[in-house]
Every structure is written in structure tokens, then in C-alpha cells.
Amino acid sequence: MYKIFLTQKNILQNMQGIDSSSCRHWFEKLRVLNITSVYIYCLMLFAVDNLHYFQTNPSVHVINTTHNTQLHVPSVTLAAIQRY
């Protein structure tokens, strides 16, 4: 992913005619997501669109608290993974 980021940064520098300094300001000014942000955004979209893959854990949050609806990904053991 680092090579993709460097390519993205190089393209941004060439488009804007800037030197090889930090491009963070230009990403923000042009409202462009860097590749890491795009990856995180896609993961969040997947989580929102596929809530049925996740479950809330009522054994952890039995009292009505602000965290009782947090998603819980069930843990698996190595033996369970090796069967597939």
C-alpha cells in the first residue's frame, strides 16, 4: 500500500506543481482521500452494509449503557479456522 500512496502523492505533486514536501495540506485542500483513508472508508461501508455479519454481545452489555450496542466480532480458535 505504501507504493500506491507514493504514486498517489507523486500524481498530486505533479498536478499541483508542488515540491516534494508533505502533501497533507493538499489532500485536505483538494478534498482528496489518500489510499489509507480510502481503505478505512471502504471497511466502514462494508461494516454498515453488512451488519448481519456482526453481532452485539449481550453477555458483555446486559445493562442499558451507552456501549450496549457496540458491535462484537466473535473470536475464533485456530482449530476452527483450520477446518476450512
Protein backbone atom coordinates (compact mmCIF):
# COMPACT_ATOMS: atom_id res chain seq x y z
CA MET A 1 0.00 0.00 0.00
CA TYR A 2 2.97 2.28 0.59
CA LYS A 3 3.91 2.21 -3.11
CA ILE A 4 0.36 3.16 -4.02
CA PHE A 5 0.49 6.07 -1.57
CA LEU A 6 3.78 7.29 -3.04
CA THR A 7 2.29 7.09 -6.53
CA GLN A 8 -0.80 8.98 -5.38
CA LYS A 9 1.40 11.61 -3.72
CA ASN A 10 3.57 11.92 -6.84
CA ILE A 11 0.50 12.43 -9.04
CA LEU A 12 -0.81 15.10 -6.67
CA GLN A 13 2.56 16.88 -6.68
CA ASN A 14 2.70 16.83 -10.48
CA MET A 15 -0.88 18.07 -10.84
CA GLN A 16 -0.37 20.97 -8.43
CA GLY A 17 3.24 21.73 -9.35
CA ILE A 18 4.49 21.49 -5.79
CA ASP A 19 7.84 20.31 -4.45
CA SER A 20 8.48 17.04 -2.65
CA SER A 21 7.36 18.34 0.74
CA SER A 22 4.40 17.00 2.68
CA CYS A 23 1.19 16.80 0.68
CA ARG A 24 -1.16 16.53 3.65
CA HIS A 25 -2.31 20.13 3.19
CA TRP A 26 -3.06 19.50 -0.48
CA PHE A 27 -5.03 16.34 0.23
CA GLU A 28 -7.17 18.36 2.66
CA LYS A 29 -7.45 21.43 0.42
CA LEU A 30 -8.49 19.41 -2.64
CA ARG A 31 -10.70 17.16 -0.50
CA VAL A 32 -8.98 14.01 -1.76
CA LEU A 33 -8.66 10.91 0.40
CA ASN A 34 -5.29 9.24 0.50
CA ILE A 35 -5.17 5.50 -0.11
CA THR A 36 -5.17 4.62 3.60
CA SER A 37 -8.26 6.73 4.18
CA VAL A 38 -9.98 5.13 1.18
CA TYR A 39 -9.25 1.68 2.61
CA ILE A 40 -10.66 2.61 6.03
CA TYR A 41 -13.70 4.21 4.40
CA CYS A 42 -14.40 1.05 2.39
CA LEU A 43 -14.11 -1.09 5.53
CA MET A 44 -16.58 1.14 7.32
CA LEU A 45 -19.02 0.96 4.40
CA PHE A 46 -18.74 -2.81 4.44
CA ALA A 47 -19.47 -2.91 8.17
CA VAL A 48 -22.51 -0.65 7.81
CA ASP A 49 -23.89 -2.53 4.78
CA ASN A 50 -23.31 -5.97 6.32
CA LEU A 51 -24.35 -5.65 9.94
CA HIS A 52 -25.64 -9.24 9.82
CA TYR A 53 -22.01 -10.44 9.84
CA PHE A 54 -21.55 -8.80 13.22
CA GLN A 55 -23.42 -9.22 16.44
CA THR A 56 -23.85 -7.32 19.64
CA ASN A 57 -22.71 -9.21 22.67
CA PRO A 58 -25.49 -9.18 25.27
CA SER A 59 -23.35 -11.07 27.80
CA VAL A 60 -20.92 -8.16 27.89
CA HIS A 61 -23.57 -5.43 27.93
CA VAL A 62 -26.55 -6.65 29.93
CA ILE A 63 -27.23 -3.23 31.43
CA ASN A 64 -28.59 -0.47 29.21
CA THR A 65 -25.42 1.60 28.81
CA THR A 66 -24.12 3.80 26.05
CA HIS A 67 -21.94 0.91 24.83
CA ASN A 68 -24.56 -1.84 24.81
CA THR A 69 -25.00 -1.64 21.04
CA GLN A 70 -21.32 -1.83 20.13
CA LEU A 71 -20.53 -4.45 17.54
CA HIS A 72 -18.78 -7.59 18.65
CA VAL A 73 -16.93 -9.82 16.21
CA PRO A 74 -16.94 -13.35 17.59
CA SER A 75 -13.47 -14.69 18.27
CA VAL A 76 -12.46 -17.96 16.69
CA THR A 77 -9.88 -20.51 17.64
CA LEU A 78 -7.12 -21.71 15.39
CA ALA A 79 -8.62 -25.20 15.28
CA ALA A 80 -11.90 -23.80 13.96
CA ILE A 81 -10.10 -21.92 11.21
CA GLN A 82 -8.02 -24.95 10.18
CA ARG A 83 -11.14 -26.98 9.41
CA TYR A 84 -11.98 -24.74 6.45
